[in-house]
Structure formats: C-alpha cells, structure tokens
Amino acid sequence: MADNSSNNEYWAANIRIIKICLVIWALVSFGFGILLRPLLMGIPVGGTDLGFWFAQQGSILVFLALIFFYAWYVNRLDKKFGVEE
C-alpha cells in the first residue's frame, strides 16, 4: 500500500509540472504571439515588434527552455522517489 501511495505522489507531481509547462507554453505562444500582439507592437526587438518576435522566435526559445527544465525537474523527481535510471 505504501508503494502505491508513493507511486501516486510521483505521478501527481509529474502531471502537475506537465500542466505548468503547458500553461507557460500556451501563454507564450498563443497569448504573447497572437492575443497580446497588439499590446506588444510598440516594443521594438531586433528590428521588429515584441509580439512578432514572440510569434516567430520567442515561443520556440521558451519551448526549448521548458524541455530542458522538465528534463532537469523529472530527473530530480526520479531521484527523490528512487526511480532513477
């Protein structure tokens, strides 16, 4: 029974971090790149406006950062629950 509880805690923490990463990714890609673009048009970045930058490059960079963060976090989570490779 204790093993099942530990397993449930592990997967709850894993699903929680997945949800957080997906919300951040959606906010950056859809929110900043599409919905908030009119508000970000006045901020110049690299010869274009910030909204366009998020739509074209910023969301990709944030996605890559989220991948590395998720891998780091799950490795730490695996060690905590004793399921590391």
N, C-alpha and C. Protein backbone atom coordinates (compact mmCIF):
# COMPACT_ATOMS: atom_id res chain seq x y z
N MET A 1 0.82 -1.19 0.00
CA MET A 1 0.00 0.00 0.00
C MET A 1 0.86 1.25 0.00
N ALA A 2 1.98 1.23 0.74
CA ALA A 2 2.86 2.39 0.78
C ALA A 2 3.49 2.64 -0.58
N ASP A 3 3.80 1.57 -1.31
CA ASP A 3 4.38 1.70 -2.64
C ASP A 3 3.40 2.37 -3.60
N ASN A 4 2.12 2.03 -3.50
CA ASN A 4 1.09 2.62 -4.34
C ASN A 4 0.93 4.11 -4.02
N SER A 5 1.02 4.47 -2.75
CA SER A 5 0.92 5.87 -2.35
C SER A 5 2.09 6.68 -2.90
N SER A 6 3.28 6.09 -2.83
CA SER A 6 4.47 6.75 -3.37
C SER A 6 4.36 6.90 -4.88
N ASN A 7 3.84 5.88 -5.55
CA ASN A 7 3.63 5.93 -6.99
C ASN A 7 2.64 7.03 -7.36
N ASN A 8 1.56 7.13 -6.59
CA ASN A 8 0.57 8.19 -6.85
C ASN A 8 1.15 9.58 -6.63
N GLU A 9 1.98 9.74 -5.59
CA GLU A 9 2.63 11.03 -5.34
C GLU A 9 3.57 11.41 -6.49
N TYR A 10 4.32 10.43 -6.98
CA TYR A 10 5.24 10.67 -8.09
C TYR A 10 4.49 11.15 -9.33
N TRP A 11 3.43 10.42 -9.69
CA TRP A 11 2.70 10.79 -10.89
C TRP A 11 1.91 12.08 -10.72
N ALA A 12 1.46 12.37 -9.52
CA ALA A 12 0.77 13.64 -9.27
C ALA A 12 1.74 14.81 -9.47
N ALA A 13 2.96 14.66 -8.96
CA ALA A 13 3.98 15.70 -9.14
C ALA A 13 4.36 15.83 -10.61
N ASN A 14 4.46 14.71 -11.31
CA ASN A 14 4.81 14.72 -12.72
C ASN A 14 3.72 15.40 -13.55
N ILE A 15 2.48 15.05 -13.32
CA ILE A 15 1.36 15.66 -14.05
C ILE A 15 1.25 17.14 -13.73
N ARG A 16 1.52 17.52 -12.49
CA ARG A 16 1.46 18.93 -12.10
C ARG A 16 2.49 19.75 -12.87
N ILE A 17 3.72 19.27 -13.00
CA ILE A 17 4.75 20.02 -13.73
C ILE A 17 4.45 20.03 -15.23
N ILE A 18 3.85 18.97 -15.75
CA ILE A 18 3.45 18.97 -17.16
C ILE A 18 2.40 20.05 -17.40
N LYS A 19 1.41 20.15 -16.52
CA LYS A 19 0.37 21.17 -16.67
C LYS A 19 0.96 22.58 -16.60
N ILE A 20 1.89 22.79 -15.67
CA ILE A 20 2.52 24.11 -15.54
C ILE A 20 3.29 24.46 -16.81
N CYS A 21 4.05 23.51 -17.34
CA CYS A 21 4.80 23.74 -18.57
C CYS A 21 3.88 24.03 -19.75
N LEU A 22 2.77 23.31 -19.86
CA LEU A 22 1.84 23.54 -20.95
C LEU A 22 1.17 24.91 -20.86
N VAL A 23 0.85 25.35 -19.64
CA VAL A 23 0.25 26.67 -19.47
C VAL A 23 1.25 27.76 -19.86
N ILE A 24 2.50 27.61 -19.45
CA ILE A 24 3.52 28.59 -19.82
C ILE A 24 3.70 28.62 -21.33
N TRP A 25 3.78 27.45 -21.95
CA TRP A 25 3.96 27.37 -23.40
C TRP A 25 2.78 28.00 -24.14
N ALA A 26 1.55 27.72 -23.69
CA ALA A 26 0.36 28.29 -24.33
C ALA A 26 0.32 29.80 -24.15
N LEU A 27 0.67 30.27 -22.97
CA LEU A 27 0.67 31.71 -22.72
C LEU A 27 1.67 32.42 -23.62
N VAL A 28 2.85 31.86 -23.74
CA VAL A 28 3.89 32.50 -24.56
C VAL A 28 3.56 32.41 -26.04
N SER A 29 3.19 31.23 -26.52
CA SER A 29 2.99 31.07 -27.96
C SER A 29 1.67 31.68 -28.42
N PHE A 30 0.58 31.33 -27.79
CA PHE A 30 -0.72 31.82 -28.22
C PHE A 30 -1.02 33.19 -27.63
N GLY A 31 -0.72 33.35 -26.34
CA GLY A 31 -1.03 34.61 -25.67
C GLY A 31 -0.20 35.78 -26.16
N PHE A 32 1.12 35.65 -26.05
CA PHE A 32 2.00 36.75 -26.46
C PHE A 32 2.09 36.90 -27.97
N GLY A 33 2.08 35.79 -28.69
CA GLY A 33 2.24 35.84 -30.14
C GLY A 33 0.99 36.24 -30.89
N ILE A 34 -0.20 35.96 -30.34
CA ILE A 34 -1.44 36.23 -31.07
C ILE A 34 -2.34 37.18 -30.30
N LEU A 35 -2.76 36.81 -29.12
CA LEU A 35 -3.75 37.61 -28.39
C LEU A 35 -3.21 38.95 -27.91
N LEU A 36 -2.00 38.96 -27.39
CA LEU A 36 -1.44 40.20 -26.84
C LEU A 36 -0.55 40.95 -27.83
N ARG A 37 -0.51 40.50 -29.07
CA ARG A 37 0.35 41.15 -30.06
C ARG A 37 0.04 42.63 -30.23
N PRO A 38 -1.22 43.05 -30.29
CA PRO A 38 -1.48 44.49 -30.42
C PRO A 38 -0.90 45.32 -29.27
N LEU A 39 -0.86 44.75 -28.08
CA LEU A 39 -0.28 45.47 -26.94
C LEU A 39 1.24 45.51 -27.00
N LEU A 40 1.84 44.51 -27.63
CA LEU A 40 3.30 44.40 -27.67
C LEU A 40 3.91 45.03 -28.93
N MET A 41 3.07 45.57 -29.82
CA MET A 41 3.58 46.11 -31.09
C MET A 41 4.50 47.31 -30.91
N GLY A 42 4.33 48.07 -29.85
CA GLY A 42 5.13 49.27 -29.66
C GLY A 42 6.51 49.02 -29.07
N ILE A 43 6.82 47.80 -28.71
CA ILE A 43 8.10 47.48 -28.09
C ILE A 43 9.03 46.89 -29.15
N PRO A 44 10.06 47.63 -29.57
CA PRO A 44 10.95 47.10 -30.61
C PRO A 44 11.96 46.08 -30.08
N VAL A 45 12.13 45.01 -30.85
CA VAL A 45 13.11 43.98 -30.52
C VAL A 45 13.74 43.51 -31.82
N GLY A 46 15.02 43.75 -31.99
CA GLY A 46 15.75 43.26 -33.16
C GLY A 46 15.17 43.68 -34.49
N GLY A 47 14.69 44.89 -34.61
CA GLY A 47 14.16 45.38 -35.87
C GLY A 47 12.69 45.07 -36.11
N THR A 48 12.03 44.43 -35.17
CA THR A 48 10.60 44.13 -35.30
C THR A 48 9.94 44.38 -33.95
N ASP A 49 8.66 44.14 -33.85
CA ASP A 49 7.99 44.36 -32.56
C ASP A 49 8.01 43.08 -31.72
N LEU A 50 7.78 43.25 -30.44
CA LEU A 50 7.89 42.15 -29.49
C LEU A 50 6.86 41.05 -29.75
N GLY A 51 5.65 41.41 -30.16
CA GLY A 51 4.63 40.40 -30.45
C GLY A 51 5.03 39.50 -31.60
N PHE A 52 5.58 40.08 -32.66
CA PHE A 52 6.05 39.29 -33.79
C PHE A 52 7.22 38.42 -33.39
N TRP A 53 8.12 38.96 -32.57
CA TRP A 53 9.27 38.19 -32.10
C TRP A 53 8.83 36.97 -31.31
N PHE A 54 7.84 37.15 -30.41
CA PHE A 54 7.33 36.00 -29.66
C PHE A 54 6.70 34.98 -30.58
N ALA A 55 5.96 35.43 -31.59
CA ALA A 55 5.31 34.50 -32.51
C ALA A 55 6.32 33.73 -33.33
N GLN A 56 7.43 34.34 -33.70
CA GLN A 56 8.38 33.70 -34.60
C GLN A 56 9.53 33.00 -33.89
N GLN A 57 10.07 33.61 -32.84
CA GLN A 57 11.25 33.04 -32.20
C GLN A 57 11.10 32.84 -30.70
N GLY A 58 10.42 33.74 -30.05
CA GLY A 58 10.32 33.68 -28.60
C GLY A 58 9.64 32.43 -28.10
N SER A 59 8.56 32.03 -28.76
CA SER A 59 7.85 30.83 -28.31
C SER A 59 8.71 29.58 -28.50
N ILE A 60 9.52 29.55 -29.55
CA ILE A 60 10.40 28.40 -29.77
C ILE A 60 11.48 28.35 -28.69
N LEU A 61 12.06 29.49 -28.35
CA LEU A 61 13.08 29.53 -27.31
C LEU A 61 12.51 29.15 -25.95
N VAL A 62 11.31 29.63 -25.66
CA VAL A 62 10.67 29.26 -24.39
C VAL A 62 10.36 27.77 -24.38
N PHE A 63 9.92 27.22 -25.51
CA PHE A 63 9.65 25.79 -25.59
C PHE A 63 10.91 24.97 -25.33
N LEU A 64 12.03 25.36 -25.91
CA LEU A 64 13.29 24.67 -25.66
C LEU A 64 13.70 24.77 -24.20
N ALA A 65 13.53 25.95 -23.61
CA ALA A 65 13.84 26.12 -22.18
C ALA A 65 12.95 25.23 -21.32
N LEU A 66 11.68 25.12 -21.69
CA LEU A 66 10.77 24.24 -20.95
C LEU A 66 11.17 22.78 -21.06
N ILE A 67 11.66 22.36 -22.21
CA ILE A 67 12.12 20.97 -22.37
C ILE A 67 13.28 20.69 -21.42
N PHE A 68 14.27 21.58 -21.39
CA PHE A 68 15.42 21.38 -20.51
C PHE A 68 15.01 21.45 -19.04
N PHE A 69 14.10 22.38 -18.70
CA PHE A 69 13.63 22.47 -17.32
C PHE A 69 12.89 21.20 -16.92
N TYR A 70 12.01 20.70 -17.79
CA TYR A 70 11.25 19.49 -17.49
C TYR A 70 12.18 18.29 -17.29
N ALA A 71 13.18 18.15 -18.15
CA ALA A 71 14.13 17.04 -18.01
C ALA A 71 14.88 17.14 -16.69
N TRP A 72 15.32 18.33 -16.33
CA TRP A 72 16.03 18.53 -15.06
C TRP A 72 15.12 18.23 -13.88
N TYR A 73 13.88 18.74 -13.93
CA TYR A 73 12.95 18.55 -12.83
C TYR A 73 12.58 17.09 -12.64
N VAL A 74 12.31 16.39 -13.75
CA VAL A 74 11.91 14.98 -13.65
C VAL A 74 13.09 14.12 -13.18
N ASN A 75 14.30 14.45 -13.58
CA ASN A 75 15.47 13.72 -13.05
C ASN A 75 15.57 13.89 -11.54
N ARG A 76 15.32 15.10 -11.07
CA ARG A 76 15.33 15.36 -9.63
C ARG A 76 14.19 14.62 -8.93
N LEU A 77 13.02 14.60 -9.58
CA LEU A 77 11.87 13.89 -9.04
C LEU A 77 12.12 12.38 -8.99
N ASP A 78 12.76 11.87 -10.04
CA ASP A 78 13.11 10.44 -10.07
C ASP A 78 14.03 10.07 -8.91
N LYS A 79 15.03 10.89 -8.65
CA LYS A 79 15.94 10.63 -7.52
C LYS A 79 15.21 10.68 -6.19
N LYS A 80 14.29 11.62 -6.07
CA LYS A 80 13.53 11.76 -4.82
C LYS A 80 12.70 10.51 -4.54
N PHE A 81 12.11 9.92 -5.58
CA PHE A 81 11.26 8.76 -5.39
C PHE A 81 11.99 7.44 -5.66
N GLY A 82 13.27 7.51 -5.94
CA GLY A 82 14.08 6.30 -6.10
C GLY A 82 13.79 5.50 -7.37
N VAL A 83 13.44 6.19 -8.44
CA VAL A 83 13.16 5.51 -9.70
C VAL A 83 14.07 5.97 -10.82
N GLU A 84 15.24 6.53 -10.46
CA GLU A 84 16.16 7.00 -11.48
C GLU A 84 16.78 5.83 -12.23
N GLU A 85 17.26 6.14 -13.43
CA GLU A 85 17.85 5.09 -14.26
C GLU A 85 19.24 4.76 -13.81
